[in-house]
Structure formats: C-alpha cells, structure tokens
Amino acid sequence: MKWARASHHLRTLADECARMHAVSGRIESLSVVQLWAFGDVVASNADLDFAEVALVVDVPEVPWLSVPDGGTWWSRSARLKDPLRAFWRSSRVPVWNHRIVQPVLLWDVENGVAEDAFSDLGGFRVAAPSPDELRDRLDLELATSLKAMRAAAEVYETTRWSPRKLEPVADDLHAVTKGYLDILDAR
C-alpha cells in the first residue's frame, strides 16, 4: 500500500474515534480516549503492507496483545480492519513499550484530531524512553500479563468441561500468553 493511502486510513480512523466518542454516551461501548500511530507508517513515507495503531482505552489494565472487554464490538463499529493493525493500551500507563516505539498522537478526547500530525507524521514522534525507563515499563507489563495469564488459565480450566462455548475463553488465554511471551523475549 502506498504511504498516502495508509495516511488516509489513519485519518479515517481518527475521525471515527471522534465520532464513536461523541455517541458513546448513548450506547454501551468501550471508551477509547486516544489514537496513536507507530511503526513503518511514522518512520518513512515508503510503501508498506499495513499501518500499526495503538488505541488507548479508559480501563485500569490491558495486558499486552489482548483485547479489552468491548474491544471487538468497538472495532466492528468503527470498521477497524486491514490494512490497520490495532494494539490496545490502558490510559493508566504510557502508550509506548518495546514494540510501540516513538508513536505519534493522532487523536485524543481533549484536543480532537491532531491535524498537524497528518502533514508530517515523523515530525511528531514522542521521544524514545531511556533503557532504564524501558526496562521498568517492561517489568510492569510482564507483571500485568502474568496476572492476566493466570486469570485466563483459571477461567479456561473451569470452563473447559462445561457446555459453554470454549473458543472465546481459549482465544483470551492465547492472547495473554502470547503477550507475556513477547514481553519476556523483549526483556
């Protein structure tokens, strides 16, 4: 995909975040409070296969690589799909980590769409953390993911033999386990 097309998809999602936030008082939904872009789409204007975004939600914890309750519904309502790849983050922690490096804020509830960022994505990147800050961030993410993995394993174990559909429970367990292992490898 051409970079200009990727930028168009990001702008469309930023507008959709604003729209979804405006109607969230009338419908049950997850509260997305920020949209960030990161990865190749902010590093250069070269062609790319996909654009990566971080959706920051107003919940206490979102284990790495997992989807918060309501996230699937929100994604469908916002028509979030390829070529955008979303990563969910809690508003209570920094958006950056080992994978989300020097992101660019595209939209937030306080200021709306960051118009200037769309003219020069690379020029609005946040500073990279120090090695100590990154290590501390990964330690906290690892603890969050381990806690979520243990909880998901318990739910899986209690649900495993019940008549309840197991796929969503197994998917949650897989996501938090994959996130835990990704952070462990980065650490």
Protein backbone atom coordinates (compact mmCIF):
# COMPACT_ATOMS: atom_id res chain seq x y z
CA MET A 1 0.00 0.00 0.00
CA LYS A 2 1.20 3.50 -0.74
CA TRP A 3 2.05 5.68 2.27
CA ALA A 4 -0.56 8.26 1.24
CA ARG A 5 -3.25 5.57 1.32
CA ALA A 6 -2.08 4.44 4.77
CA SER A 7 -2.26 8.06 5.94
CA HIS A 8 -5.81 8.25 4.58
CA HIS A 9 -6.76 5.13 6.59
CA LEU A 10 -5.27 6.68 9.72
CA ARG A 11 -7.18 9.92 9.18
CA THR A 12 -10.41 7.98 8.64
CA LEU A 13 -9.85 6.09 11.89
CA ALA A 14 -9.09 9.32 13.78
CA ASP A 15 -12.38 10.77 12.54
CA GLU A 16 -14.14 7.55 13.51
CA CYS A 17 -12.64 7.72 17.02
CA ALA A 18 -14.08 11.21 17.39
CA ARG A 19 -17.48 10.06 16.11
CA MET A 20 -17.53 6.98 18.35
CA HIS A 21 -16.60 9.05 21.38
CA ALA A 22 -19.37 11.55 20.64
CA VAL A 23 -22.02 8.80 20.60
CA SER A 24 -20.59 6.70 23.43
CA GLY A 25 -22.88 8.39 25.95
CA ARG A 26 -25.90 6.99 24.13
CA ILE A 27 -24.65 3.42 23.68
CA GLU A 28 -22.76 0.90 25.74
CA SER A 29 -19.21 0.88 24.48
CA LEU A 30 -15.59 0.88 25.39
CA SER A 31 -14.23 4.39 25.92
CA VAL A 32 -11.35 4.94 23.50
CA VAL A 33 -9.55 8.13 24.59
CA GLN A 34 -6.52 8.28 22.28
CA LEU A 35 -5.33 7.03 18.90
CA TRP A 36 -1.62 6.71 18.15
CA ALA A 37 0.27 5.60 15.02
CA PHE A 38 3.64 3.88 15.17
CA GLY A 39 5.98 1.67 13.19
CA ASP A 40 6.77 2.00 9.50
CA VAL A 41 3.96 4.47 8.79
CA VAL A 42 5.62 7.10 11.01
CA ALA A 43 9.22 6.11 10.23
CA SER A 44 9.18 6.89 6.49
CA ASN A 45 6.95 7.62 3.52
CA ALA A 46 7.76 4.29 1.87
CA ASP A 47 5.17 1.77 0.72
CA LEU A 48 4.05 -0.63 3.45
CA ASP A 49 1.89 -3.70 3.98
CA PHE A 50 -0.05 -2.33 6.95
CA ALA A 51 -0.16 0.56 9.41
CA GLU A 52 0.02 -0.01 13.15
CA VAL A 53 -2.08 1.92 15.64
CA ALA A 54 -2.48 1.95 19.41
CA LEU A 55 -5.95 2.51 20.81
CA VAL A 56 -5.83 3.83 24.36
CA VAL A 57 -8.86 2.94 26.44
CA ASP A 58 -10.10 4.15 29.80
CA VAL A 59 -9.67 0.89 31.72
CA PRO A 60 -7.19 0.06 34.51
CA GLU A 61 -5.25 -2.67 32.68
CA VAL A 62 -4.93 -4.09 29.20
CA PRO A 63 -2.43 -6.95 29.06
CA TRP A 64 -0.11 -6.73 26.06
CA LEU A 65 -1.59 -8.19 22.82
CA SER A 66 -5.02 -8.70 24.38
CA VAL A 67 -8.32 -7.06 23.55
CA PRO A 68 -10.25 -5.42 26.41
CA ASP A 69 -13.90 -6.21 27.05
CA GLY A 70 -15.86 -4.34 24.40
CA GLY A 71 -12.84 -4.04 22.10
CA THR A 72 -14.15 -6.41 19.46
CA TRP A 73 -17.50 -4.61 19.41
CA TRP A 74 -15.74 -1.22 19.20
CA SER A 75 -13.53 -2.42 16.33
CA ARG A 76 -16.51 -3.65 14.35
CA SER A 77 -18.47 -0.47 14.99
CA ALA A 78 -15.51 1.66 13.91
CA ARG A 79 -14.90 -0.59 10.88
CA LEU A 80 -11.32 -1.15 12.05
CA LYS A 81 -9.69 -3.76 9.81
CA ASP A 82 -6.73 -4.36 7.49
CA PRO A 83 -4.59 -2.55 6.49
CA LEU A 84 -4.69 -1.18 10.05
CA ARG A 85 -3.40 -3.34 12.89
CA ALA A 86 -4.54 -2.28 16.33
CA PHE A 87 -2.89 -2.73 19.71
CA TRP A 88 -4.90 -1.89 22.82
CA ARG A 89 -3.40 0.07 25.71
CA SER A 90 -4.67 1.33 29.06
CA SER A 91 -4.86 5.06 29.70
CA ARG A 92 -3.23 4.42 33.10
CA VAL A 93 0.18 3.53 31.59
CA PRO A 94 2.40 5.04 28.89
CA VAL A 95 1.37 4.06 25.37
CA TRP A 96 4.93 3.12 24.42
CA ASN A 97 6.70 -0.16 25.09
CA HIS A 98 9.21 -2.40 23.30
CA ARG A 99 7.02 -2.60 20.18
CA ILE A 100 5.30 0.78 20.23
CA VAL A 101 8.36 2.95 19.68
CA GLN A 102 8.15 6.72 19.28
CA PRO A 103 4.43 6.83 18.44
CA VAL A 104 2.55 9.83 17.07
CA LEU A 105 -0.68 11.03 18.70
CA LEU A 106 -3.38 11.33 16.02
CA TRP A 107 -6.47 11.93 18.15
CA ASP A 108 -7.46 12.34 21.78
CA VAL A 109 -10.64 13.27 23.61
CA GLU A 110 -9.27 16.58 24.92
CA ASN A 111 -7.93 18.03 21.66
CA GLY A 112 -9.61 16.08 18.87
CA VAL A 113 -7.79 15.20 15.66
CA ALA A 114 -4.15 16.32 15.62
CA GLU A 115 -4.31 17.98 12.20
CA ASP A 116 -0.63 18.95 12.15
CA ALA A 117 0.49 15.38 12.75
CA PHE A 118 -1.04 14.24 9.47
CA SER A 119 1.15 16.60 7.45
CA ASP A 120 4.36 15.17 8.92
CA LEU A 121 3.87 12.00 10.97
CA GLY A 122 7.59 11.56 11.61
CA GLY A 123 7.93 15.10 12.94
CA PHE A 124 5.51 14.49 15.82
CA ARG A 125 7.00 11.32 17.29
CA VAL A 126 7.41 11.20 21.07
CA ALA A 127 10.92 10.80 22.40
CA ALA A 128 12.22 7.28 22.92
CA PRO A 129 12.46 6.14 26.53
CA SER A 130 15.81 5.60 28.20
CA PRO A 131 16.98 2.00 28.60
CA ASP A 132 16.10 2.16 32.31
CA GLU A 133 12.61 3.52 31.59
CA LEU A 134 12.03 0.80 29.01
CA ARG A 135 13.20 -1.93 31.40
CA ASP A 136 10.91 -0.62 34.15
CA ARG A 137 7.99 -0.41 31.70
CA LEU A 138 8.59 -4.00 30.56
CA ASP A 139 8.78 -5.22 34.15
CA LEU A 140 5.35 -3.71 34.86
CA GLU A 141 3.89 -5.06 31.60
CA LEU A 142 5.29 -8.50 32.40
CA ALA A 143 3.60 -8.46 35.82
CA THR A 144 0.29 -7.34 34.27
CA SER A 145 0.47 -10.03 31.60
CA LEU A 146 1.39 -12.76 34.09
CA LYS A 147 -1.58 -11.82 36.28
CA ALA A 148 -3.89 -11.87 33.24
CA MET A 149 -2.44 -15.17 32.03
CA ARG A 150 -3.07 -16.81 35.39
CA ALA A 151 -6.65 -15.48 35.47
CA ALA A 152 -7.31 -16.63 31.89
CA ALA A 153 -5.87 -20.07 32.63
CA GLU A 154 -8.22 -20.38 35.62
CA VAL A 155 -11.24 -19.38 33.51
CA TYR A 156 -10.17 -21.86 30.85
CA GLU A 157 -9.80 -24.64 33.40
CA THR A 158 -13.25 -24.03 34.93
CA THR A 159 -14.89 -23.63 31.51
CA ARG A 160 -13.12 -26.48 29.75
CA TRP A 161 -15.68 -29.17 30.53
CA SER A 162 -18.78 -27.00 30.67
CA PRO A 163 -21.31 -26.77 27.83
CA ARG A 164 -20.28 -23.11 27.40
CA LYS A 165 -18.51 -22.28 24.13
CA LEU A 166 -14.78 -22.60 24.78
CA GLU A 167 -13.39 -20.66 21.80
CA PRO A 168 -13.59 -17.13 23.31
CA VAL A 169 -12.03 -18.37 26.55
CA ALA A 170 -9.23 -20.12 24.66
CA ASP A 171 -8.69 -17.05 22.47
CA ASP A 172 -8.28 -14.86 25.56
CA LEU A 173 -5.82 -17.32 27.09
CA HIS A 174 -3.85 -17.44 23.84
CA ALA A 175 -3.70 -13.63 23.56
CA VAL A 176 -2.42 -13.00 27.09
CA THR A 177 0.05 -15.89 26.84
CA LYS A 178 1.39 -14.62 23.52
CA GLY A 179 1.70 -11.11 25.01
CA TYR A 180 3.50 -12.42 28.09
CA LEU A 181 5.99 -14.37 25.97
CA ASP A 182 6.56 -11.35 23.68
CA ILE A 183 7.40 -9.13 26.66
CA LEU A 184 9.55 -11.86 28.21
CA ASP A 185 11.55 -12.12 24.97
CA ALA A 186 11.93 -8.34 24.76
CA ARG A 187 13.02 -8.15 28.40
